Structures are given as structure tokens and as C-alpha cells.
Amino acid sequence: MGKLLFFALVGVLVYLYFKSTQRRQTLGSGAAPTDAVEDMVRCAHCRVNLPRSEAILSKGEFYCSAEHQKLGPARR
């Protein structure tokens, strides 16, 4: 019975070692982080905040859609 427990323990340790080695290789592969921070900008027409990569830049102003770009900045 003692030998069975010993081999089970060795098996678990080997499994954990390979799992941690695989995780280190995945993290060290230079993959981009999934939770990267991106600058937010405000639509000049409706004042909605959106990521800079999704915004439309026109005449120094950011817009959330082509329709708002055509309408121009909001009048207050």
C-alpha cells in the first residue's frame, strides 16, 4: 500500500512540474497581454467615450461613427 501512495505522489509531482514548465514557456513567449490598457477618447458630437483604435479622427476631433463625423461637433 505504501508503494502505491509513493508512486501516486511521484506522478502528481511530475504532472505539476510539467504543468508549471508549460505555463512559464507560454508566458515567456512574448504573447501580448489580453488586458492591455488603451487610451480612451470622447466623441465630439455625442460625448461618448470609446477606445482610440475605434474612433474616427477628423480635423483634430474624435468621433464614434461616420454619421457623427458628418454632423460635426455638438453645439452647446
PDB file of N, CA and C in Angstrom:
ATOM      1  N   MET A   1       0.814  -1.186   0.000  1.00  0.00           N
ATOM      2  CA  MET A   1       0.000   0.000   0.000  1.00  0.00           C
ATOM      3  C   MET A   1       0.864   1.258   0.000  1.00  0.00           C
ATOM      4  N   GLY A   2       1.969   1.189   0.709  1.00  0.00           N
ATOM      5  CA  GLY A   2       2.877   2.332   0.794  1.00  0.00           C
ATOM      6  C   GLY A   2       3.501   2.645  -0.560  1.00  0.00           C
ATOM      7  N   LYS A   3       3.817   1.605  -1.332  1.00  0.00           N
ATOM      8  CA  LYS A   3       4.409   1.814  -2.654  1.00  0.00           C
ATOM      9  C   LYS A   3       3.414   2.494  -3.584  1.00  0.00           C
ATOM     10  N   LEU A   4       2.154   2.137  -3.491  1.00  0.00           N
ATOM     11  CA  LEU A   4       1.117   2.729  -4.325  1.00  0.00           C
ATOM     12  C   LEU A   4       0.988   4.228  -4.039  1.00  0.00           C
ATOM     13  N   LEU A   5       0.971   4.600  -2.772  1.00  0.00           N
ATOM     14  CA  LEU A   5       0.908   6.011  -2.401  1.00  0.00           C
ATOM     15  C   LEU A   5       2.147   6.764  -2.876  1.00  0.00           C
ATOM     16  N   PHE A   6       3.319   6.119  -2.743  1.00  0.00           N
ATOM     17  CA  PHE A   6       4.561   6.745  -3.181  1.00  0.00           C
ATOM     18  C   PHE A   6       4.528   7.028  -4.682  1.00  0.00           C
ATOM     19  N   PHE A   7       4.114   6.071  -5.489  1.00  0.00           N
ATOM     20  CA  PHE A   7       4.084   6.268  -6.934  1.00  0.00           C
ATOM     21  C   PHE A   7       3.001   7.277  -7.346  1.00  0.00           C
ATOM     22  N   ALA A   8       1.906   7.299  -6.616  1.00  0.00           N
ATOM     23  CA  ALA A   8       0.868   8.301  -6.892  1.00  0.00           C
ATOM     24  C   ALA A   8       1.412   9.698  -6.608  1.00  0.00           C
ATOM     25  N   LEU A   9       2.123   9.852  -5.512  1.00  0.00           N
ATOM     26  CA  LEU A   9       2.715  11.139  -5.164  1.00  0.00           C
ATOM     27  C   LEU A   9       3.755  11.568  -6.201  1.00  0.00           C
ATOM     28  N   VAL A  10       4.589  10.653  -6.640  1.00  0.00           N
ATOM     29  CA  VAL A  10       5.588  10.954  -7.674  1.00  0.00           C
ATOM     30  C   VAL A  10       4.888  11.362  -8.969  1.00  0.00           C
ATOM     31  N   GLY A  11       3.816  10.675  -9.324  1.00  0.00           N
ATOM     32  CA  GLY A  11       3.068  11.023 -10.530  1.00  0.00           C
ATOM     33  C   GLY A  11       2.488  12.432 -10.458  1.00  0.00           C
ATOM     34  N   VAL A  12       1.919  12.789  -9.321  1.00  0.00           N
ATOM     35  CA  VAL A  12       1.362  14.133  -9.139  1.00  0.00           C
ATOM     36  C   VAL A  12       2.461  15.179  -9.230  1.00  0.00           C
ATOM     37  N   LEU A  13       3.602  14.939  -8.620  1.00  0.00           N
ATOM     38  CA  LEU A  13       4.715  15.886  -8.668  1.00  0.00           C
ATOM     39  C   LEU A  13       5.241  16.074 -10.090  1.00  0.00           C
ATOM     40  N   VAL A  14       5.349  14.999 -10.835  1.00  0.00           N
ATOM     41  CA  VAL A  14       5.798  15.092 -12.231  1.00  0.00           C
ATOM     42  C   VAL A  14       4.786  15.879 -13.047  1.00  0.00           C
ATOM     43  N   TYR A  15       3.514  15.635 -12.840  1.00  0.00           N
ATOM     44  CA  TYR A  15       2.457  16.367 -13.550  1.00  0.00           C
ATOM     45  C   TYR A  15       2.553  17.865 -13.243  1.00  0.00           C
ATOM     46  N   LEU A  16       2.674  18.223 -11.983  1.00  0.00           N
ATOM     47  CA  LEU A  16       2.767  19.634 -11.599  1.00  0.00           C
ATOM     48  C   LEU A  16       4.019  20.293 -12.170  1.00  0.00           C
ATOM     49  N   TYR A  17       5.119  19.566 -12.218  1.00  0.00           N
ATOM     50  CA  TYR A  17       6.350  20.116 -12.781  1.00  0.00           C
ATOM     51  C   TYR A  17       6.173  20.441 -14.263  1.00  0.00           C
ATOM     52  N   PHE A  18       5.618  19.527 -15.031  1.00  0.00           N
ATOM     53  CA  PHE A  18       5.431  19.780 -16.457  1.00  0.00           C
ATOM     54  C   PHE A  18       4.394  20.865 -16.702  1.00  0.00           C
ATOM     55  N   LYS A  19       3.384  20.933 -15.866  1.00  0.00           N
ATOM     56  CA  LYS A  19       2.365  21.975 -15.995  1.00  0.00           C
ATOM     57  C   LYS A  19       2.986  23.354 -15.754  1.00  0.00           C
ATOM     58  N   SER A  20       3.834  23.497 -14.739  1.00  0.00           N
ATOM     59  CA  SER A  20       4.460  24.785 -14.452  1.00  0.00           C
ATOM     60  C   SER A  20       5.477  25.148 -15.534  1.00  0.00           C
ATOM     61  N   THR A  21       6.174  24.159 -16.082  1.00  0.00           N
ATOM     62  CA  THR A  21       7.123  24.426 -17.162  1.00  0.00           C
ATOM     63  C   THR A  21       6.388  24.921 -18.404  1.00  0.00           C
ATOM     64  N   GLN A  22       5.269  24.318 -18.716  1.00  0.00           N
ATOM     65  CA  GLN A  22       4.475  24.733 -19.871  1.00  0.00           C
ATOM     66  C   GLN A  22       3.946  26.153 -19.668  1.00  0.00           C
ATOM     67  N   ARG A  23       3.500  26.480 -18.473  1.00  0.00           N
ATOM     68  CA  ARG A  23       2.978  27.809 -18.179  1.00  0.00           C
ATOM     69  C   ARG A  23       4.082  28.857 -18.327  1.00  0.00           C
ATOM     70  N   ARG A  24       5.287  28.572 -17.856  1.00  0.00           N
ATOM     71  CA  ARG A  24       6.404  29.520 -17.992  1.00  0.00           C
ATOM     72  C   ARG A  24       6.766  29.743 -19.452  1.00  0.00           C
ATOM     73  N   GLN A  25       6.721  28.698 -20.262  1.00  0.00           N
ATOM     74  CA  GLN A  25       7.031  28.845 -21.677  1.00  0.00           C
ATOM     75  C   GLN A  25       5.973  29.682 -22.378  1.00  0.00           C
ATOM     76  N   THR A  26       4.714  29.513 -22.009  1.00  0.00           N
ATOM     77  CA  THR A  26       3.622  30.284 -22.602  1.00  0.00           C
ATOM     78  C   THR A  26       3.746  31.750 -22.219  1.00  0.00           C
ATOM     79  N   LEU A  27       4.028  32.036 -20.968  1.00  0.00           N
ATOM     80  CA  LEU A  27       4.155  33.419 -20.510  1.00  0.00           C
ATOM     81  C   LEU A  27       5.399  34.083 -21.090  1.00  0.00           C
ATOM     82  N   GLY A  28       6.462  33.344 -21.266  1.00  0.00           N
ATOM     83  CA  GLY A  28       7.705  33.905 -21.767  1.00  0.00           C
ATOM     84  C   GLY A  28       7.788  33.972 -23.280  1.00  0.00           C
ATOM     85  N   SER A  29       6.739  33.570 -23.994  1.00  0.00           N
ATOM     86  CA  SER A  29       6.801  33.535 -25.449  1.00  0.00           C
ATOM     87  C   SER A  29       6.609  34.901 -26.085  1.00  0.00           C
ATOM     88  N   GLY A  30       6.367  35.934 -25.289  1.00  0.00           N
ATOM     89  CA  GLY A  30       6.198  37.267 -25.842  1.00  0.00           C
ATOM     90  C   GLY A  30       4.797  37.547 -26.336  1.00  0.00           C
ATOM     91  N   ALA A  31       3.839  36.758 -25.908  1.00  0.00           N
ATOM     92  CA  ALA A  31       2.459  36.979 -26.312  1.00  0.00           C
ATOM     93  C   ALA A  31       1.956  38.283 -25.700  1.00  0.00           C
ATOM     94  N   ALA A  32       1.156  39.006 -26.453  1.00  0.00           N
ATOM     95  CA  ALA A  32       0.620  40.265 -25.964  1.00  0.00           C
ATOM     96  C   ALA A  32      -0.364  40.005 -24.833  1.00  0.00           C
ATOM     97  N   PRO A  33      -0.316  40.843 -23.810  1.00  0.00           N
ATOM     98  CA  PRO A  33      -1.263  40.664 -22.721  1.00  0.00           C
ATOM     99  C   PRO A  33      -2.690  40.942 -23.176  1.00  0.00           C
ATOM    100  N   THR A  34      -3.629  40.175 -22.671  1.00  0.00           N
ATOM    101  CA  THR A  34      -5.007  40.343 -23.101  1.00  0.00           C
ATOM    102  C   THR A  34      -5.676  41.520 -22.429  1.00  0.00           C
ATOM    103  N   ASP A  35      -5.121  41.989 -21.336  1.00  0.00           N
ATOM    104  CA  ASP A  35      -5.728  43.106 -20.635  1.00  0.00           C
ATOM    105  C   ASP A  35      -4.932  44.391 -20.828  1.00  0.00           C
ATOM    106  N   ALA A  36      -4.436  44.621 -22.041  1.00  0.00           N
ATOM    107  CA  ALA A  36      -3.654  45.816 -22.327  1.00  0.00           C
ATOM    108  C   ALA A  36      -4.527  47.058 -22.191  1.00  0.00           C
ATOM    109  N   VAL A  37      -3.928  48.125 -21.661  1.00  0.00           N
ATOM    110  CA  VAL A  37      -4.650  49.374 -21.460  1.00  0.00           C
ATOM    111  C   VAL A  37      -4.567  50.199 -22.732  1.00  0.00           C
ATOM    112  N   GLU A  38      -5.689  50.789 -23.125  1.00  0.00           N
ATOM    113  CA  GLU A  38      -5.729  51.604 -24.334  1.00  0.00           C
ATOM    114  C   GLU A  38      -6.300  52.973 -23.983  1.00  0.00           C
ATOM    115  N   ASP A  39      -5.798  54.016 -24.637  1.00  0.00           N
ATOM    116  CA  ASP A  39      -6.293  55.368 -24.408  1.00  0.00           C
ATOM    117  C   ASP A  39      -7.739  55.486 -24.849  1.00  0.00           C
ATOM    118  N   MET A  40      -8.508  56.236 -24.065  1.00  0.00           N
ATOM    119  CA  MET A  40      -9.906  56.494 -24.384  1.00  0.00           C
ATOM    120  C   MET A  40     -10.035  57.934 -24.873  1.00  0.00           C
ATOM    121  N   VAL A  41     -10.923  58.149 -25.832  1.00  0.00           N
ATOM    122  CA  VAL A  41     -11.193  59.488 -26.358  1.00  0.00           C
ATOM    123  C   VAL A  41     -12.704  59.727 -26.314  1.00  0.00           C
ATOM    124  N   ARG A  42     -13.095  60.987 -26.433  1.00  0.00           N
ATOM    125  CA  ARG A  42     -14.515  61.336 -26.360  1.00  0.00           C
ATOM    126  C   ARG A  42     -14.993  61.793 -27.727  1.00  0.00           C
ATOM    127  N   CYS A  43     -16.155  61.298 -28.130  1.00  0.00           N
ATOM    128  CA  CYS A  43     -16.766  61.709 -29.389  1.00  0.00           C
ATOM    129  C   CYS A  43     -17.125  63.193 -29.278  1.00  0.00           C
ATOM    130  N   ALA A  44     -16.746  63.987 -30.278  1.00  0.00           N
ATOM    131  CA  ALA A  44     -17.007  65.421 -30.261  1.00  0.00           C
ATOM    132  C   ALA A  44     -18.499  65.724 -30.415  1.00  0.00           C
ATOM    133  N   HIS A  45     -19.263  64.785 -30.920  1.00  0.00           N
ATOM    134  CA  HIS A  45     -20.689  65.030 -31.132  1.00  0.00           C
ATOM    135  C   HIS A  45     -21.546  64.580 -29.943  1.00  0.00           C
ATOM    136  N   CYS A  46     -21.439  63.319 -29.549  1.00  0.00           N
ATOM    137  CA  CYS A  46     -22.321  62.771 -28.501  1.00  0.00           C
ATOM    138  C   CYS A  46     -21.642  62.634 -27.147  1.00  0.00           C
ATOM    139  N   ARG A  47     -20.350  62.910 -27.073  1.00  0.00           N
ATOM    140  CA  ARG A  47     -19.573  62.868 -25.828  1.00  0.00           C
ATOM    141  C   ARG A  47     -19.429  61.462 -25.235  1.00  0.00           C
ATOM    142  N   VAL A  48     -19.585  60.438 -26.038  1.00  0.00           N
ATOM    143  CA  VAL A  48     -19.393  59.056 -25.577  1.00  0.00           C
ATOM    144  C   VAL A  48     -17.902  58.735 -25.605  1.00  0.00           C
ATOM    145  N   ASN A  49     -17.408  58.053 -24.559  1.00  0.00           N
ATOM    146  CA  ASN A  49     -16.010  57.627 -24.522  1.00  0.00           C
ATOM    147  C   ASN A  49     -15.865  56.307 -25.253  1.00  0.00           C
ATOM    148  N   LEU A  50     -14.783  56.197 -26.034  1.00  0.00           N
ATOM    149  CA  LEU A  50     -14.510  54.969 -26.765  1.00  0.00           C
ATOM    150  C   LEU A  50     -13.008  54.816 -26.937  1.00  0.00           C
ATOM    151  N   PRO A  51     -12.527  53.594 -27.192  1.00  0.00           N
ATOM    152  CA  PRO A  51     -11.092  53.384 -27.394  1.00  0.00           C
ATOM    153  C   PRO A  51     -10.590  54.156 -28.616  1.00  0.00           C
ATOM    154  N   ARG A  52      -9.379  54.671 -28.524  1.00  0.00           N
ATOM    155  CA  ARG A  52      -8.795  55.448 -29.617  1.00  0.00           C
ATOM    156  C   ARG A  52      -8.734  54.638 -30.909  1.00  0.00           C
ATOM    157  N   SER A  53      -8.511  53.318 -30.810  1.00  0.00           N
ATOM    158  CA  SER A  53      -8.411  52.489 -32.012  1.00  0.00           C
ATOM    159  C   SER A  53      -9.734  52.376 -32.756  1.00  0.00           C
ATOM    160  N   GLU A  54     -10.860  52.601 -32.091  1.00  0.00           N
ATOM    161  CA  GLU A  54     -12.173  52.504 -32.726  1.00  0.00           C
ATOM    162  C   GLU A  54     -12.712  53.861 -33.164  1.00  0.00           C
ATOM    163  N   ALA A  55     -12.037  54.939 -32.775  1.00  0.00           N
ATOM    164  CA  ALA A  55     -12.521  56.286 -33.066  1.00  0.00           C
ATOM    165  C   ALA A  55     -12.104  56.727 -34.469  1.00  0.00           C
ATOM    166  N   ILE A  56     -12.861  57.700 -34.998  1.00  0.00           N
ATOM    167  CA  ILE A  56     -12.559  58.307 -36.299  1.00  0.00           C
ATOM    168  C   ILE A  56     -12.015  59.704 -36.013  1.00  0.00           C
ATOM    169  N   LEU A  57     -10.824  59.993 -36.515  1.00  0.00           N
ATOM    170  CA  LEU A  57     -10.193  61.291 -36.307  1.00  0.00           C
ATOM    171  C   LEU A  57     -10.435  62.159 -37.534  1.00  0.00           C
ATOM    172  N   SER A  58     -11.010  63.335 -37.311  1.00  0.00           N
ATOM    173  CA  SER A  58     -11.302  64.252 -38.408  1.00  0.00           C
ATOM    174  C   SER A  58     -11.131  65.680 -37.918  1.00  0.00           C
ATOM    175  N   LYS A  59     -10.233  66.413 -38.559  1.00  0.00           N
ATOM    176  CA  LYS A  59      -9.989  67.825 -38.227  1.00  0.00           C
ATOM    177  C   LYS A  59      -9.676  68.022 -36.746  1.00  0.00           C
ATOM    178  N   GLY A  60      -8.891  67.133 -36.198  1.00  0.00           N
ATOM    179  CA  GLY A  60      -8.470  67.249 -34.810  1.00  0.00           C
ATOM    180  C   GLY A  60      -9.496  66.809 -33.786  1.00  0.00           C
ATOM    181  N   GLU A  61     -10.631  66.307 -34.210  1.00  0.00           N
ATOM    182  CA  GLU A  61     -11.687  65.834 -33.309  1.00  0.00           C
ATOM    183  C   GLU A  61     -11.894  64.336 -33.506  1.00  0.00           C
ATOM    184  N   PHE A  62     -12.299  63.665 -32.434  1.00  0.00           N
ATOM    185  CA  PHE A  62     -12.609  62.235 -32.499  1.00  0.00           C
ATOM    186  C   PHE A  62     -14.115  62.048 -32.561  1.00  0.00           C
ATOM    187  N   TYR A  63     -14.540  61.041 -33.342  1.00  0.00           N
ATOM    188  CA  TYR A  63     -15.959  60.725 -33.491  1.00  0.00           C
ATOM    189  C   TYR A  63     -16.153  59.224 -33.330  1.00  0.00           C
ATOM    190  N   CYS A  64     -17.350  58.845 -32.863  1.00  0.00           N
ATOM    191  CA  CYS A  64     -17.635  57.424 -32.639  1.00  0.00           C
ATOM    192  C   CYS A  64     -18.180  56.740 -33.884  1.00  0.00           C
ATOM    193  N   SER A  65     -18.666  57.509 -34.870  1.00  0.00           N
ATOM    194  CA  SER A  65     -19.209  56.909 -36.087  1.00  0.00           C
ATOM    195  C   SER A  65     -19.072  57.891 -37.243  1.00  0.00           C
ATOM    196  N   ALA A  66     -19.233  57.373 -38.457  1.00  0.00           N
ATOM    197  CA  ALA A  66     -19.156  58.228 -39.639  1.00  0.00           C
ATOM    198  C   ALA A  66     -20.308  59.238 -39.663  1.00  0.00           C
ATOM    199  N   GLU A  67     -21.463  58.847 -39.141  1.00  0.00           N
ATOM    200  CA  GLU A  67     -22.610  59.750 -39.093  1.00  0.00           C
ATOM    201  C   GLU A  67     -22.315  60.964 -38.195  1.00  0.00           C
ATOM    202  N   HIS A  68     -21.733  60.709 -37.037  1.00  0.00           N
ATOM    203  CA  HIS A  68     -21.393  61.812 -36.144  1.00  0.00           C
ATOM    204  C   HIS A  68     -20.268  62.663 -36.724  1.00  0.00           C
ATOM    205  N   GLN A  69     -19.389  62.043 -37.498  1.00  0.00           N
ATOM    206  CA  GLN A  69     -18.335  62.807 -38.172  1.00  0.00           C
ATOM    207  C   GLN A  69     -18.966  63.795 -39.149  1.00  0.00           C
ATOM    208  N   LYS A  70     -19.980  63.353 -39.882  1.00  0.00           N
ATOM    209  CA  LYS A  70     -20.663  64.230 -40.840  1.00  0.00           C
ATOM    210  C   LYS A  70     -21.408  65.356 -40.125  1.00  0.00           C
ATOM    211  N   LEU A  71     -22.003  65.062 -38.961  1.00  0.00           N
ATOM    212  CA  LEU A  71     -22.755  66.058 -38.219  1.00  0.00           C
ATOM    213  C   LEU A  71     -21.862  67.098 -37.556  1.00  0.00           C
ATOM    214  N   GLY A  72     -20.615  66.717 -37.270  1.00  0.00           N
ATOM    215  CA  GLY A  72     -19.671  67.648 -36.678  1.00  0.00           C
ATOM    216  C   GLY A  72     -19.816  67.734 -35.158  1.00  0.00           C
ATOM    217  N   PRO A  73     -19.031  68.628 -34.538  1.00  0.00           N
ATOM    218  CA  PRO A  73     -19.087  68.766 -33.081  1.00  0.00           C
ATOM    219  C   PRO A  73     -20.462  69.216 -32.605  1.00  0.00           C
ATOM    220  N   ALA A  74     -20.797  68.810 -31.389  1.00  0.00           N
ATOM    221  CA  ALA A  74     -22.100  69.175 -30.799  1.00  0.00           C
ATOM    222  C   ALA A  74     -22.114  70.657 -30.467  1.00  0.00           C
ATOM    223  N   ARG A  75     -23.249  71.258 -30.621  1.00  0.00           N
ATOM    224  CA  ARG A  75     -23.412  72.664 -30.248  1.00  0.00           C
ATOM    225  C   ARG A  75     -24.046  72.703 -28.861  1.00  0.00           C
ATOM    226  N   ARG A  76     -23.480  73.482 -28.002  1.00  0.00           N
ATOM    227  CA  ARG A  76     -23.991  73.555 -26.613  1.00  0.00           C
ATOM    228  C   ARG A  76     -24.533  74.918 -26.352  1.00  0.00           C
TER     229      ARG A  76
END
